[in-house]
Amino acid sequence: QVQLVESGGGLVQAGGSLRLSCAASRSIFSSAVMGWYRQAPGKQRELVARITSGGSTNYADSVKGRFTISRDNGKNTVYLQMNSLKPEDTAVYYCNAQRSIIATTLYDYWGQGTPVTVSS
């Protein structure tokens, strides 16, 4: 069984904050690159942030300085702290777990998504 369960989405005003959580299956969490993606209506799904098993991170330019990704290996959970939210951050946010060896993808799992709406 592989399971990714997101939570923490909701409705906030511009300038507010939310923290998203993604609880992952024990069997894949320790070796996976964990990521947060988002998809707004009429747009393609895009990368928001990633974190490796060793703690290395990268972010989309649009969220640098505002969002922080982190992971708790003991809880098999990845977080996305979102501050200074803007209306353009409105989207469904998806948790992703991926493992690759060189050019081969071993797995690529997705959660069900949690909606975030930022009002102006």
Protein backbone atom coordinates (compact mmCIF):
# COMPACT_ATOMS: atom_id res chain seq x y z
CA GLN A 1 0.00 0.00 0.00
CA VAL A 2 1.21 3.50 -0.94
CA GLN A 3 -0.71 6.41 0.48
CA LEU A 4 -0.28 10.19 0.41
CA VAL A 5 -2.84 12.19 2.37
CA GLU A 6 -2.84 16.00 2.21
CA SER A 7 -4.51 18.34 4.67
CA GLY A 8 -4.47 21.98 5.73
CA GLY A 9 -5.97 23.75 2.75
CA GLY A 10 -8.70 26.34 3.05
CA LEU A 11 -9.75 29.92 2.47
CA VAL A 12 -7.54 32.81 3.57
CA GLN A 13 -7.22 36.50 2.83
CA ALA A 14 -4.28 37.91 0.92
CA GLY A 15 -1.30 38.28 3.23
CA GLY A 16 -2.37 35.38 5.41
CA SER A 17 -0.73 32.02 6.06
CA LEU A 18 -1.50 28.31 5.81
CA ARG A 19 0.47 25.16 6.53
CA LEU A 20 -0.16 22.11 4.38
CA SER A 21 0.69 18.61 5.57
CA CYS A 22 1.23 15.38 3.65
CA ALA A 23 1.41 12.09 5.50
CA ALA A 24 3.17 9.41 3.47
CA SER A 25 3.51 5.65 3.64
CA ARG A 26 6.46 4.47 5.69
CA SER A 27 7.62 2.20 2.88
CA ILE A 28 8.48 5.06 0.51
CA PHE A 29 9.01 8.18 2.59
CA SER A 30 12.61 7.71 3.73
CA SER A 31 14.04 7.38 0.21
CA ALA A 32 11.70 9.61 -1.78
CA VAL A 33 12.00 13.14 -3.04
CA MET A 34 8.88 14.80 -1.67
CA GLY A 35 7.26 17.69 -3.48
CA TRP A 36 4.34 20.04 -3.54
CA TYR A 37 2.68 20.90 -6.84
CA ARG A 38 -0.32 23.04 -7.62
CA GLN A 39 -2.85 23.38 -10.40
CA ALA A 40 -5.05 26.41 -10.94
CA PRO A 41 -8.16 26.33 -13.15
CA GLY A 42 -7.20 26.38 -16.82
CA LYS A 43 -3.50 25.96 -16.10
CA GLN A 44 -1.00 23.10 -16.08
CA ARG A 45 0.19 21.54 -12.86
CA GLU A 46 3.40 23.22 -11.70
CA LEU A 47 6.11 22.52 -9.17
CA VAL A 48 5.96 24.62 -6.01
CA ALA A 49 8.71 23.09 -3.87
CA ARG A 50 10.75 19.90 -3.41
CA ILE A 51 12.81 18.37 -0.64
CA THR A 52 15.14 15.37 -0.84
CA SER A 53 15.64 12.71 1.79
CA GLY A 54 18.81 14.57 2.79
CA GLY A 55 17.03 17.90 3.24
CA SER A 56 18.05 19.70 0.05
CA THR A 57 15.28 22.02 -1.19
CA ASN A 58 14.29 23.93 -4.28
CA TYR A 59 11.42 26.32 -4.99
CA ALA A 60 9.55 27.89 -7.83
CA ASP A 61 10.62 31.49 -8.34
CA SER A 62 7.08 32.67 -7.64
CA VAL A 63 7.15 31.37 -4.04
CA LYS A 64 10.76 31.94 -2.99
CA GLY A 65 10.93 33.88 0.24
CA ARG A 66 7.29 33.15 1.06
CA PHE A 67 6.96 29.34 1.19
CA THR A 68 9.05 26.82 3.11
CA ILE A 69 9.07 23.05 2.58
CA SER A 70 10.22 20.74 5.36
CA ARG A 71 10.00 17.09 6.34
CA ASP A 72 9.77 15.13 9.57
CA ASN A 73 11.23 11.70 8.92
CA GLY A 74 10.01 10.34 12.23
CA LYS A 75 6.41 11.17 11.32
CA ASN A 76 6.73 10.37 7.59
CA THR A 77 5.28 13.80 6.90
CA VAL A 78 6.19 16.70 4.62
CA TYR A 79 4.98 20.26 5.21
CA LEU A 80 4.53 23.39 3.17
CA GLN A 81 4.43 26.59 5.19
CA MET A 82 2.84 29.30 3.06
CA ASN A 83 3.19 32.92 4.18
CA SER A 84 2.27 36.22 2.55
CA LEU A 85 -0.28 34.47 0.37
CA LYS A 86 -1.44 36.12 -2.83
CA PRO A 87 -4.60 35.58 -4.88
CA GLU A 88 -2.46 34.02 -7.62
CA ASP A 89 -1.54 31.24 -5.17
CA THR A 90 -5.12 29.95 -5.44
CA ALA A 91 -5.00 26.35 -6.68
CA VAL A 92 -5.40 22.74 -5.71
CA TYR A 93 -2.16 21.66 -4.04
CA TYR A 94 -0.90 18.10 -4.51
CA CYS A 95 1.67 16.11 -2.58
CA ASN A 96 4.11 14.01 -4.62
CA ALA A 97 6.57 11.25 -3.77
CA GLN A 98 9.13 10.32 -6.40
CA ARG A 99 12.24 8.19 -6.52
CA SER A 100 14.61 8.00 -9.46
CA ILE A 101 17.88 6.21 -10.11
CA ILE A 102 19.83 8.13 -12.74
CA ALA A 103 17.32 8.44 -15.60
CA THR A 104 14.89 5.77 -14.41
CA THR A 105 11.82 6.68 -12.36
CA LEU A 106 11.15 3.96 -9.79
CA TYR A 107 7.87 5.44 -8.59
CA ASP A 108 5.83 8.62 -8.83
CA TYR A 109 2.87 8.83 -6.43
CA TRP A 110 0.30 11.58 -5.94
CA GLY A 111 -2.10 12.56 -3.21
CA GLN A 112 -5.71 13.54 -3.78
CA GLY A 113 -5.09 17.28 -3.50
CA THR A 114 -6.16 19.97 -1.04
CA PRO A 115 -7.65 23.26 -2.26
CA VAL A 116 -6.23 26.64 -1.30
CA THR A 117 -8.18 29.81 -2.02
CA VAL A 118 -6.71 33.26 -1.38
CA SER A 119 -9.11 36.17 -1.51
CA SER A 120 -8.09 39.74 -2.30
